Protein backbone atom coordinates (compact mmCIF):
# COMPACT_ATOMS: atom_id res chain seq x y z
CA UNK A 1 -53.10 27.99 -23.06
CA UNK A 2 -50.45 30.64 -22.78
CA UNK A 3 -46.92 29.53 -22.20
CA UNK A 4 -44.81 31.73 -19.99
CA UNK A 5 -41.10 31.91 -20.41
CA UNK A 6 -39.13 32.39 -17.25
CA UNK A 7 -35.74 34.04 -17.45
CA UNK A 8 -33.15 32.88 -14.97
CA UNK A 9 -30.37 35.12 -13.77
CA UNK A 10 -26.89 33.70 -14.42
CA UNK A 11 -25.42 31.80 -11.49
CA UNK A 12 -22.59 33.76 -9.91
CA UNK A 13 -19.79 31.78 -8.28
CA UNK A 14 -19.43 32.44 -4.54
CA UNK A 15 -16.89 35.19 -3.87
CA UNK A 16 -16.19 38.24 -1.73
CA UNK A 17 -14.11 40.88 -3.47
CA UNK A 18 -14.12 43.19 -0.43
CA UNK A 19 -12.50 40.49 1.74
CA UNK A 20 -9.92 39.80 -0.95
CA UNK A 21 -9.05 43.50 -1.24
CA UNK A 22 -8.85 43.84 2.56
CA UNK A 23 -6.35 40.95 2.84
CA UNK A 24 -4.19 42.12 -0.06
CA UNK A 25 -4.18 45.71 1.27
CA UNK A 26 -3.11 44.45 4.71
CA UNK A 27 -0.19 42.55 3.17
CA UNK A 28 0.94 45.58 1.15
CA UNK A 29 0.72 47.77 4.24
CA UNK A 30 2.62 45.31 6.47
CA UNK A 31 4.35 42.28 4.97
CA UNK A 32 4.36 40.56 8.37
CA UNK A 33 0.64 39.92 7.89
CA UNK A 34 1.54 37.35 5.22
CA UNK A 35 3.05 35.02 7.83
CA UNK A 36 -0.31 34.74 9.59
CA UNK A 37 -2.30 33.75 6.52
CA UNK A 38 0.25 31.90 4.37
CA UNK A 39 -0.95 28.49 5.58
CA UNK A 40 -4.59 29.43 4.93
CA UNK A 41 -4.58 30.94 1.45
CA UNK A 42 -3.21 29.97 -1.93
CA UNK A 43 -3.19 32.27 -4.99
CA UNK A 44 -5.94 30.21 -6.69
CA UNK A 45 -8.24 30.90 -3.74
CA UNK A 46 -8.74 34.48 -4.95
CA UNK A 47 -11.73 34.91 -7.25
CA UNK A 48 -10.56 38.02 -9.10
CA UNK A 49 -7.73 37.23 -11.57
CA UNK A 50 -5.95 40.45 -10.58
CA UNK A 51 -6.07 39.46 -6.90
CA UNK A 52 -4.80 35.98 -7.74
CA UNK A 53 -1.84 37.48 -9.58
CA UNK A 54 -1.09 40.09 -6.93
CA UNK A 55 -1.10 37.55 -4.10
CA UNK A 56 1.17 35.17 -6.01
CA UNK A 57 3.76 37.85 -6.81
CA UNK A 58 3.64 39.35 -3.30
CA UNK A 59 4.08 35.87 -1.79
CA UNK A 60 7.15 35.17 -3.93
CA UNK A 61 8.67 38.53 -3.02
CA UNK A 62 8.14 38.08 0.73
CA UNK A 63 9.41 34.49 0.71
CA UNK A 64 12.61 35.59 -1.02
CA UNK A 65 13.24 38.38 1.51
CA UNK A 66 12.10 41.31 -0.61
CA UNK A 67 9.57 44.01 0.26
CA UNK A 68 6.15 43.70 -1.38
CA UNK A 69 4.42 47.08 -1.33
CA UNK A 70 2.77 49.45 -3.80
CA UNK A 71 6.11 50.68 -5.16
CA UNK A 72 7.82 47.30 -5.68
CA UNK A 73 4.70 45.65 -7.09
CA UNK A 74 4.14 48.50 -9.57
CA UNK A 75 7.73 48.23 -10.72
CA UNK A 76 7.41 44.45 -11.11
CA UNK A 77 4.25 44.58 -13.22
CA UNK A 78 5.53 47.48 -15.33
CA UNK A 79 8.64 45.45 -16.21
CA UNK A 80 6.43 42.47 -17.12
CA UNK A 81 4.11 44.80 -19.05
CA UNK A 82 1.18 43.50 -16.99
CA UNK A 83 0.28 46.59 -14.99
CA UNK A 84 -3.06 46.92 -16.77
CA UNK A 85 -3.93 43.30 -15.78
CA UNK A 86 -4.05 44.33 -12.12
CA UNK A 87 -6.00 47.53 -12.72
CA UNK A 88 -3.06 49.91 -13.02
CA UNK A 89 -1.07 51.74 -10.35
CA UNK A 90 -4.21 53.40 -8.99
CA UNK A 91 -5.63 50.02 -7.96
CA UNK A 92 -2.61 49.38 -5.72
CA UNK A 93 -3.46 52.62 -3.90
CA UNK A 94 -7.11 51.53 -3.64
CA UNK A 95 -6.01 48.25 -2.04
CA UNK A 96 -4.09 50.11 0.64
CA UNK A 97 -7.22 52.15 1.38
CA UNK A 98 -9.23 48.89 1.71
CA UNK A 99 -6.67 47.24 4.03
CA UNK A 100 -7.87 45.39 7.11
CA UNK A 101 -6.04 45.83 10.39
CA UNK A 102 -5.78 43.56 13.41
CA UNK A 103 -6.96 39.96 13.94
CA UNK A 104 -9.83 40.31 11.46
CA UNK A 105 -7.33 39.70 8.63
CA UNK A 106 -7.27 36.01 9.51
CA UNK A 107 -11.06 35.91 9.53
CA UNK A 108 -11.15 37.46 6.06
CA UNK A 109 -8.58 34.90 4.87
CA UNK A 110 -10.78 32.06 6.09
CA UNK A 111 -13.78 33.59 4.32
CA UNK A 112 -11.80 33.68 1.07
CA UNK A 113 -10.69 30.07 1.53
CA UNK A 114 -14.23 28.89 2.33
CA UNK A 115 -15.65 30.57 -0.78
CA UNK A 116 -12.86 29.05 -2.89
CA UNK A 117 -13.78 25.60 -1.57
CA UNK A 118 -17.41 26.22 -2.48
CA UNK A 119 -16.42 27.20 -6.01
CA UNK A 120 -14.28 24.08 -6.28
CA UNK A 121 -17.17 21.97 -5.01
CA UNK A 122 -19.38 23.41 -7.76
CA UNK A 123 -16.65 22.56 -10.30
CA UNK A 124 -16.25 19.01 -8.99
CA UNK A 125 -20.02 18.50 -9.03
CA UNK A 126 -20.16 19.65 -12.64
CA UNK A 127 -17.28 17.35 -13.51
CA UNK A 128 -19.01 14.38 -11.89
CA UNK A 129 -22.19 15.13 -13.82
CA UNK A 130 -20.32 15.49 -17.12
CA UNK A 131 -18.31 12.30 -16.57
CA UNK A 132 -21.51 10.41 -15.72
CA UNK A 133 -23.28 11.63 -18.85
CA UNK A 134 -20.35 10.96 -21.20
CA UNK A 135 -17.94 8.56 -19.45
CA UNK A 136 -14.64 7.50 -20.89
CA UNK A 137 -14.49 4.05 -22.48
CA UNK A 138 -12.97 2.30 -19.44
CA UNK A 139 -14.99 4.17 -16.80
CA UNK A 140 -17.55 2.00 -15.02
CA UNK A 141 -19.99 3.29 -12.45
CA UNK A 142 -17.71 2.08 -9.65
CA UNK A 143 -14.72 3.80 -11.25
CA UNK A 144 -16.64 7.09 -11.44
CA UNK A 145 -17.62 6.77 -7.77
CA UNK A 146 -13.97 6.25 -6.79
CA UNK A 147 -12.92 9.30 -8.83
CA UNK A 148 -15.64 11.38 -7.23
CA UNK A 149 -14.61 10.20 -3.75
CA UNK A 150 -10.98 11.14 -4.39
CA UNK A 151 -11.95 14.59 -5.62
CA UNK A 152 -14.26 15.17 -2.66
CA UNK A 153 -11.66 13.86 -0.23
CA UNK A 154 -9.12 16.38 -1.52
CA UNK A 155 -11.70 19.08 -0.93
CA UNK A 156 -12.39 17.75 2.56
CA UNK A 157 -8.69 17.92 3.34
CA UNK A 158 -8.52 21.43 1.96
CA UNK A 159 -11.49 22.40 4.10
CA UNK A 160 -10.02 21.07 7.31
CA UNK A 161 -8.52 23.58 9.69
CA UNK A 162 -4.91 24.45 9.13
CA UNK A 163 -2.41 22.76 11.42
CA UNK A 164 1.07 24.13 11.80
CA UNK A 165 3.43 24.30 14.73
CA UNK A 166 2.07 23.70 18.20
CA UNK A 167 3.66 25.35 21.19
CA UNK A 168 5.64 23.31 23.68
CA UNK A 169 2.95 24.10 26.25
CA UNK A 170 0.34 22.44 24.01
CA UNK A 171 2.60 19.42 23.50
CA UNK A 172 3.11 19.17 27.26
CA UNK A 173 -0.65 19.28 27.82
CA UNK A 174 -1.16 16.40 25.38
CA UNK A 175 1.60 14.45 27.09
CA UNK A 176 -0.11 14.98 30.44
CA UNK A 177 -3.38 13.66 29.00
CA UNK A 178 -1.53 10.51 27.88
CA UNK A 179 0.05 10.10 31.31
CA UNK A 180 -3.35 10.56 32.96
CA UNK A 181 -4.81 7.81 30.79
CA UNK A 182 -1.97 5.47 31.80
CA UNK A 183 -2.46 6.39 35.47
CA UNK A 184 -6.17 5.61 35.34
CA UNK A 185 -5.39 2.20 33.83
CA UNK A 186 -3.11 1.15 36.61
CA UNK A 187 0.09 2.84 35.51
CA UNK A 188 0.86 0.52 32.61
CA UNK A 189 -1.26 1.37 29.57
CA UNK A 190 -1.33 4.77 27.89
CA UNK A 191 -2.64 3.61 24.54
CA UNK A 192 -5.63 1.53 23.45
CA UNK A 193 -5.63 -1.78 25.39
CA UNK A 194 -5.70 -5.07 23.49
CA UNK A 195 -7.05 -6.95 26.57
CA UNK A 196 -3.96 -9.20 26.36
CA UNK A 197 -2.35 -8.15 29.62
CA UNK A 198 1.28 -9.09 29.00
CA UNK A 199 1.21 -7.60 25.50
CA UNK A 200 -0.33 -4.38 26.82
CA UNK A 201 2.32 -4.19 29.53
CA UNK A 202 5.09 -4.61 26.93
CA UNK A 203 3.68 -2.04 24.49
CA UNK A 204 1.72 0.23 26.82
CA UNK A 205 -1.30 -0.35 24.58
CA UNK A 206 -1.59 0.79 20.98
CA UNK A 207 -0.51 4.41 20.68
CA UNK A 208 -2.25 6.84 18.38
CA UNK A 209 -0.38 7.77 15.19
CA UNK A 210 1.74 4.59 15.39
CA UNK A 211 2.25 2.15 12.53
CA UNK A 212 2.45 -1.38 13.90
CA UNK A 213 3.57 -4.35 11.83
CA UNK A 214 2.40 -7.80 12.91
CA UNK A 215 4.25 -10.45 10.90
CA UNK A 216 4.49 -14.21 10.83
CA UNK A 217 4.78 -17.25 8.62
CA UNK A 218 1.57 -19.04 7.49
CA UNK A 219 -0.27 -20.94 10.25
CA UNK A 220 1.37 -18.91 13.02
CA UNK A 221 -1.93 -17.16 13.78
CA UNK A 222 -1.27 -13.55 12.81
CA UNK A 223 -4.77 -13.10 11.36
CA UNK A 224 -6.27 -14.71 14.47
CA UNK A 225 -4.29 -12.43 16.77
CA UNK A 226 -5.30 -9.36 14.77
CA UNK A 227 -8.94 -10.50 14.85
CA UNK A 228 -8.77 -11.11 18.60
CA UNK A 229 -7.34 -7.64 19.18
CA UNK A 230 -9.89 -5.96 16.88
CA UNK A 231 -12.74 -7.67 18.72
CA UNK A 232 -11.34 -6.84 22.16
CA UNK A 233 -10.95 -3.15 21.29
CA UNK A 234 -14.43 -2.89 19.76
CA UNK A 235 -16.01 -4.85 22.61
CA UNK A 236 -14.51 -2.48 25.20
CA UNK A 237 -15.76 0.64 23.38
CA UNK A 238 -17.19 3.33 25.64
CA UNK A 239 -17.75 6.99 24.87
CA UNK A 240 -18.80 10.28 26.37
CA UNK A 241 -21.22 12.56 24.55
CA UNK A 242 -19.82 16.04 23.91
CA UNK A 243 -21.67 19.34 23.91
CA UNK A 244 -21.47 19.59 20.11
CA UNK A 245 -23.13 16.18 19.72
CA UNK A 246 -19.93 14.32 18.92
CA UNK A 247 -18.64 11.31 20.84
CA UNK A 248 -15.33 11.11 22.67
CA UNK A 249 -13.88 7.63 23.08
CA UNK A 250 -12.97 6.90 26.70
CA UNK A 251 -12.20 3.17 26.41
CA UNK A 252 -11.75 0.63 23.64
CA UNK A 253 -12.49 2.06 20.23
CA UNK A 254 -14.18 1.98 16.84
CA UNK A 255 -12.27 -0.42 14.58
CA UNK A 256 -11.85 -0.55 10.80
CA UNK A 257 -10.72 -4.00 9.61
CA UNK A 258 -9.52 -4.24 6.00
CA UNK A 259 -9.63 -7.96 5.21
CA UNK A 260 -7.96 -8.32 1.83
CA UNK A 261 -7.67 -12.11 2.02
CA UNK A 262 -10.76 -13.35 3.88
CA UNK A 263 -14.40 -12.41 3.30
CA UNK A 264 -16.32 -10.54 5.98
CA UNK A 265 -18.42 -13.68 6.55
CA UNK A 266 -15.31 -15.78 7.17
CA UNK A 267 -13.96 -13.18 9.56
CA UNK A 268 -17.26 -13.04 11.43
CA UNK A 269 -17.28 -16.85 11.66
CA UNK A 270 -13.81 -16.75 13.23
CA UNK A 271 -14.93 -14.23 15.81
CA UNK A 272 -18.00 -16.33 16.60
CA UNK A 273 -15.78 -19.37 17.06
CA UNK A 274 -13.44 -17.47 19.36
CA UNK A 275 -16.29 -16.14 21.49
CA UNK A 276 -18.35 -19.34 21.75
CA UNK A 277 -15.60 -21.96 21.82
CA UNK A 278 -17.20 -23.77 18.87
CA UNK A 279 -14.70 -24.45 16.10
CA UNK A 280 -15.19 -22.47 12.90
CA UNK A 281 -15.01 -25.74 10.94
CA UNK A 282 -18.01 -27.10 12.84
CA UNK A 283 -19.87 -23.80 12.32
CA UNK A 284 -19.27 -23.91 8.56
CA UNK A 285 -20.17 -27.61 8.32
CA UNK A 286 -23.27 -27.16 10.45
CA UNK A 287 -22.08 -29.77 12.95
CA UNK A 288 -23.93 -28.17 15.80
CA UNK A 289 -26.00 -29.39 18.68
CA UNK A 290 -29.08 -27.49 19.78
CA UNK A 291 -27.05 -26.03 22.66
CA UNK A 292 -24.31 -24.97 20.22
CA UNK A 293 -26.80 -23.19 18.01
CA UNK A 294 -28.30 -21.39 21.00
CA UNK A 295 -24.81 -20.24 22.04
CA UNK A 296 -24.19 -18.95 18.52
CA UNK A 297 -27.51 -17.11 18.48
CA UNK A 298 -26.83 -15.51 21.86
CA UNK A 299 -23.30 -14.47 20.81
CA UNK A 300 -24.62 -13.01 17.56
CA UNK A 301 -27.22 -10.95 19.42
CA UNK A 302 -24.59 -9.67 21.85
CA UNK A 303 -22.12 -8.69 19.14
CA UNK A 304 -24.36 -7.26 16.42
CA UNK A 305 -23.88 -3.68 17.63
CA UNK A 306 -20.11 -4.01 17.95
CA UNK A 307 -18.32 -0.95 16.44
CA UNK A 308 -16.25 -3.22 14.18
CA UNK A 309 -16.42 -2.35 10.48
CA UNK A 310 -15.07 -4.82 7.90
CA UNK A 311 -14.04 -3.99 4.34
CA UNK A 312 -13.25 -7.18 2.43
CA UNK A 313 -12.43 -5.61 -0.94
CA UNK A 314 -9.71 -7.74 -2.53
CA UNK A 315 -6.72 -5.98 -4.08
CA UNK A 316 -7.75 -2.59 -2.70
CA UNK A 317 -5.38 0.23 -3.62
CA UNK A 318 -3.63 2.30 -0.99
CA UNK A 319 -5.52 5.36 -2.23
CA UNK A 320 -8.92 3.67 -1.86
CA UNK A 321 -7.99 2.27 1.55
CA UNK A 322 -6.97 5.71 2.76
CA UNK A 323 -10.14 7.32 1.39
CA UNK A 324 -12.41 4.71 3.00
CA UNK A 325 -10.69 5.04 6.37
CA UNK A 326 -11.13 8.81 6.26
CA UNK A 327 -14.78 8.41 5.26
CA UNK A 328 -15.44 6.07 8.21
CA UNK A 329 -13.69 8.56 10.51
CA UNK A 330 -15.95 11.37 9.32
CA UNK A 331 -19.18 9.34 9.46
CA UNK A 332 -18.98 7.29 12.68
CA UNK A 333 -15.49 7.84 14.13
CA UNK A 334 -12.35 5.70 14.13
CA UNK A 335 -9.84 4.60 16.78
CA UNK A 336 -7.94 1.64 15.25
CA UNK A 337 -7.21 0.39 11.73
CA UNK A 338 -6.26 -3.24 11.06
CA UNK A 339 -5.07 -4.39 7.62
CA UNK A 340 -4.78 -8.06 6.66
CA UNK A 341 -2.38 -7.96 4.96
CA UNK A 342 0.12 -5.42 3.68
CA UNK A 343 1.41 -7.30 0.61
CA UNK A 344 -2.11 -7.53 -0.87
CA UNK A 345 -2.50 -3.73 -1.08
CA UNK A 346 -1.99 -2.39 -4.59
CA UNK A 347 -0.59 0.94 -5.77
CA UNK A 348 -1.23 3.24 -8.69
CA UNK A 349 2.26 2.53 -10.04
CA UNK A 350 2.65 0.92 -13.41
CA UNK A 351 3.25 -2.82 -13.68
CA UNK A 352 6.98 -2.29 -14.27
CA UNK A 353 7.47 -0.76 -10.84
CA UNK A 354 9.73 -2.62 -8.44
CA UNK A 355 7.73 -4.36 -5.70
CA UNK A 356 10.07 -3.03 -3.03
CA UNK A 357 9.33 0.50 -4.26
CA UNK A 358 5.59 -0.22 -4.18
CA UNK A 359 5.77 -1.50 -0.60
CA UNK A 360 7.73 1.63 0.28
CA UNK A 361 4.86 3.75 -1.07
CA UNK A 362 2.37 1.68 0.90
CA UNK A 363 4.17 1.82 4.26
CA UNK A 364 4.86 5.55 3.84
CA UNK A 365 1.18 6.15 3.10
CA UNK A 366 0.07 4.02 6.07
CA UNK A 367 2.36 5.89 8.44
CA UNK A 368 1.03 9.20 7.08
CA UNK A 369 -2.54 7.92 7.54
CA UNK A 370 -1.83 6.96 11.16
CA UNK A 371 -0.47 10.43 11.91
CA UNK A 372 -3.15 12.28 9.99
CA UNK A 373 -6.11 10.44 11.55
CA UNK A 374 -4.29 10.15 14.90
CA UNK A 375 -5.08 6.44 15.22
CA UNK A 376 -2.88 3.34 15.45
CA UNK A 377 -2.62 1.38 12.20
CA UNK A 378 -1.82 -2.33 12.51
CA UNK A 379 -0.75 -3.92 9.23
CA UNK A 380 -0.11 -7.65 8.96
CA UNK A 381 2.85 -8.77 6.88
CA UNK A 382 4.23 -11.94 5.40
CA UNK A 383 7.70 -13.27 6.13
CA UNK A 384 10.20 -14.67 3.67
CA UNK A 385 10.89 -18.41 3.50
CA UNK A 386 14.32 -17.83 5.03
CA UNK A 387 12.74 -18.68 8.39
CA UNK A 388 12.17 -22.27 7.28
CA UNK A 389 15.83 -22.76 6.40
CA UNK A 390 17.07 -22.14 9.96
CA UNK A 391 17.13 -24.50 12.90
CA UNK A 392 15.72 -21.76 15.11
CA UNK A 393 12.46 -20.79 13.40
CA UNK A 394 11.97 -17.65 15.44
CA UNK A 395 11.60 -14.75 13.00
CA UNK A 396 13.77 -11.65 12.93
CA UNK A 397 13.59 -8.26 11.22
CA UNK A 398 15.55 -9.40 8.18
CA UNK A 399 12.82 -11.99 7.46
CA UNK A 400 10.29 -9.31 6.54
CA UNK A 401 9.46 -9.46 2.85
CA UNK A 402 10.47 -6.20 1.14
CA UNK A 403 11.76 -5.42 4.62
CA UNK A 404 13.64 -2.15 4.12
CA UNK A 405 10.73 0.26 4.17
CA UNK A 406 8.59 -1.86 6.48
CA UNK A 407 11.21 -1.88 9.20
CA UNK A 408 12.06 1.79 8.65
CA UNK A 409 8.51 3.22 8.66
CA UNK A 410 7.07 1.06 11.44
CA UNK A 411 7.01 2.27 15.02
CA UNK A 412 6.55 -1.28 16.28
CA UNK A 413 7.39 -4.59 14.62
CA UNK A 414 5.99 -7.77 16.19
CA UNK A 415 6.27 -11.39 15.13
CA UNK A 416 3.90 -14.23 15.98
CA UNK A 417 5.69 -17.53 16.62
CA UNK A 418 4.32 -20.88 17.75
CA UNK A 419 7.04 -23.41 18.53
CA UNK A 420 4.36 -26.07 18.96
CA UNK A 421 3.57 -25.87 15.23
CA UNK A 422 7.14 -26.69 14.18
CA UNK A 423 7.89 -29.09 17.04
CA UNK A 424 4.82 -31.22 16.31
CA UNK A 425 6.30 -31.95 12.89
CA UNK A 426 9.63 -33.22 14.24
CA UNK A 427 8.51 -36.12 16.42
CA UNK A 428 11.48 -38.54 16.53
CA UNK A 429 10.66 -42.06 15.33
CA UNK A 430 10.84 -44.99 17.73
CA UNK A 431 13.66 -47.40 16.90
CA UNK A 432 13.79 -50.67 18.90
CA UNK A 433 17.44 -51.12 17.89
CA UNK A 434 18.43 -47.70 19.18
CA UNK A 435 17.94 -47.28 22.95
CA UNK A 436 18.72 -43.59 22.68
CA UNK A 437 15.66 -43.03 20.46
CA UNK A 438 13.45 -43.43 23.51
CA UNK A 439 15.37 -40.69 25.30
CA UNK A 440 15.02 -38.43 22.25
CA UNK A 441 11.28 -39.02 22.17
CA UNK A 442 10.96 -38.29 25.88
CA UNK A 443 12.90 -35.04 25.48
CA UNK A 444 10.67 -34.12 22.53
CA UNK A 445 7.53 -34.96 24.53
CA UNK A 446 8.71 -32.90 27.49
CA UNK A 447 9.32 -29.89 25.25
CA UNK A 448 5.95 -30.38 23.56
CA UNK A 449 4.26 -30.32 26.97
CA UNK A 450 6.02 -27.02 27.75
CA UNK A 451 4.97 -25.23 24.57
CA UNK A 452 1.56 -26.83 24.01
CA UNK A 453 -1.21 -24.24 23.86
CA UNK A 454 1.19 -21.30 23.86
CA UNK A 455 2.41 -18.68 21.41
CA UNK A 456 5.05 -15.98 21.46
CA UNK A 457 4.75 -12.39 20.30
CA UNK A 458 8.29 -11.21 19.66
CA UNK A 459 8.58 -7.41 19.81
CA UNK A 460 11.68 -6.77 17.70
CA UNK A 461 11.31 -3.01 17.31
CA UNK A 462 9.58 -0.42 19.48
CA UNK A 463 10.23 3.31 19.34
CA UNK A 464 8.54 3.95 22.68
CA UNK A 465 9.92 1.19 24.83
CA UNK A 466 11.94 -2.01 25.16
CA UNK A 467 11.93 -4.98 22.85
CA UNK A 468 11.20 -8.43 24.23
CA UNK A 469 9.05 -11.55 23.99
CA UNK A 470 5.51 -11.92 25.31
CA UNK A 471 3.99 -15.35 25.86
CA UNK A 472 0.29 -15.87 25.23
CA UNK A 473 -2.12 -18.76 25.51
CA UNK A 474 -3.34 -20.12 22.17
CA UNK A 475 -6.30 -22.39 21.51
CA UNK A 476 -5.69 -23.86 18.05
CA UNK A 477 -9.19 -25.37 17.86
CA UNK A 478 -10.85 -21.96 17.77
CA UNK A 479 -7.71 -19.93 16.88
CA UNK A 480 -8.00 -17.79 19.99
CA UNK A 481 -5.26 -15.98 21.88
CA UNK A 482 -5.51 -15.24 25.59
CA UNK A 483 -3.52 -14.35 28.67
CA UNK A 484 -1.13 -17.15 29.62
CA UNK A 485 -1.00 -16.31 33.31
CA UNK A 486 -4.28 -15.72 35.07
CA UNK A 487 -5.81 -15.66 38.49
CA UNK A 488 -7.05 -19.21 39.08
CA UNK A 489 -9.28 -17.98 41.91
CA UNK A 490 -11.31 -15.93 39.41
CA UNK A 491 -11.46 -18.29 36.46
CA UNK A 492 -10.14 -21.60 35.22
CA UNK A 493 -10.14 -20.30 31.67
CA UNK A 494 -7.18 -18.18 30.50
CA UNK A 495 -9.31 -16.80 27.66
CA UNK A 496 -11.83 -15.09 29.93
């Protein structure tokens, strides 16, 4: 049997030398062209080493106010004794002959950038293959996946369309769209509604690109409130199909919930409890009647297609969190990010780094993520124990742990406070020898009746509107928040 040997031609990296020459020639002919392509191209995007070098030097000259043409570039490279590296003086003349004119220069620049991204993708793919075949000692499969994701994400960012200044007319148009959304929702809500009416009226909904901090001491219900909001937003999700096949959110939204403390199963159990009115303790213990189990089954069937995505990775780093949010945005869409909670996010800093500095990195990154993805990011935060030392337990901005950067970077800071929790622990004892003790108990009981089943959301900072306190209904049995005031003619349940 004859064996045939097949020769394969060497693989040539994607490139277009004619487009590169056309762009460089256009810059040499008219330096103003550079301003139109500077945010598209970098020197490393050019395939030919001579083009790479020419673009870098011309860019530096133009940015420092000097003229970059055939004469000045020839003089520069002659002084550096590098004229032969760019093909000599004749090649500068050839570039001028190859110059592009008019709007096609930008098209050529995008072609060059696209080909550079393809070359980088080939390089990254080769690097992933090499690292998988011969990994470093501490590289596990999961570690290699994370490295590959980071590298691909950087490429995805590079491949996204350039965004620079927008005209005031464009900004006005976006503002009008926001006003139209508020008008259609009754003149009160421009952002994503939480379905908690008084909170939506105070905040105007959750605004895109905002970083919201929801803080509270343990047992105040901050996780429950965040879960309620995440469910309400996902449950209200509606979209319109676009001509390109994409979906445009028209109400509610797709929610990413990073649960760093609770497992996804625990979070789902909470939501089931909130929706069915069956306590999560009874669900976990299996203390269910046949009717209870049927309610759970019906609720599960209704909610299984909810656009609520939970990531319960413990100790996730800010880099991984950002990458996963971007990945979800690209794959299915994204309208709201919830993080429970901020202090459990890790950073790439070494162990000697100050925790305040680490939190600063985290809040800065979260604010950048909110702006970049154009979605609201709600991050839960712990409070210092200073609250417990005061007679008035209502939290304030100074109670935020590592508060400097949190308060500075956040667009909105809210605190969850339940007076009932603290008041229930201060019941005055009855003393038969002290007639006034009965009066004290009565006053305590009267106050307990006033605050029973209620919670406060204290808005202590808001860039877009006033600060203030919003009162909500709270069912401690199923940890559910609802509207305190409701129309009794429609329902006897404030949570519906």
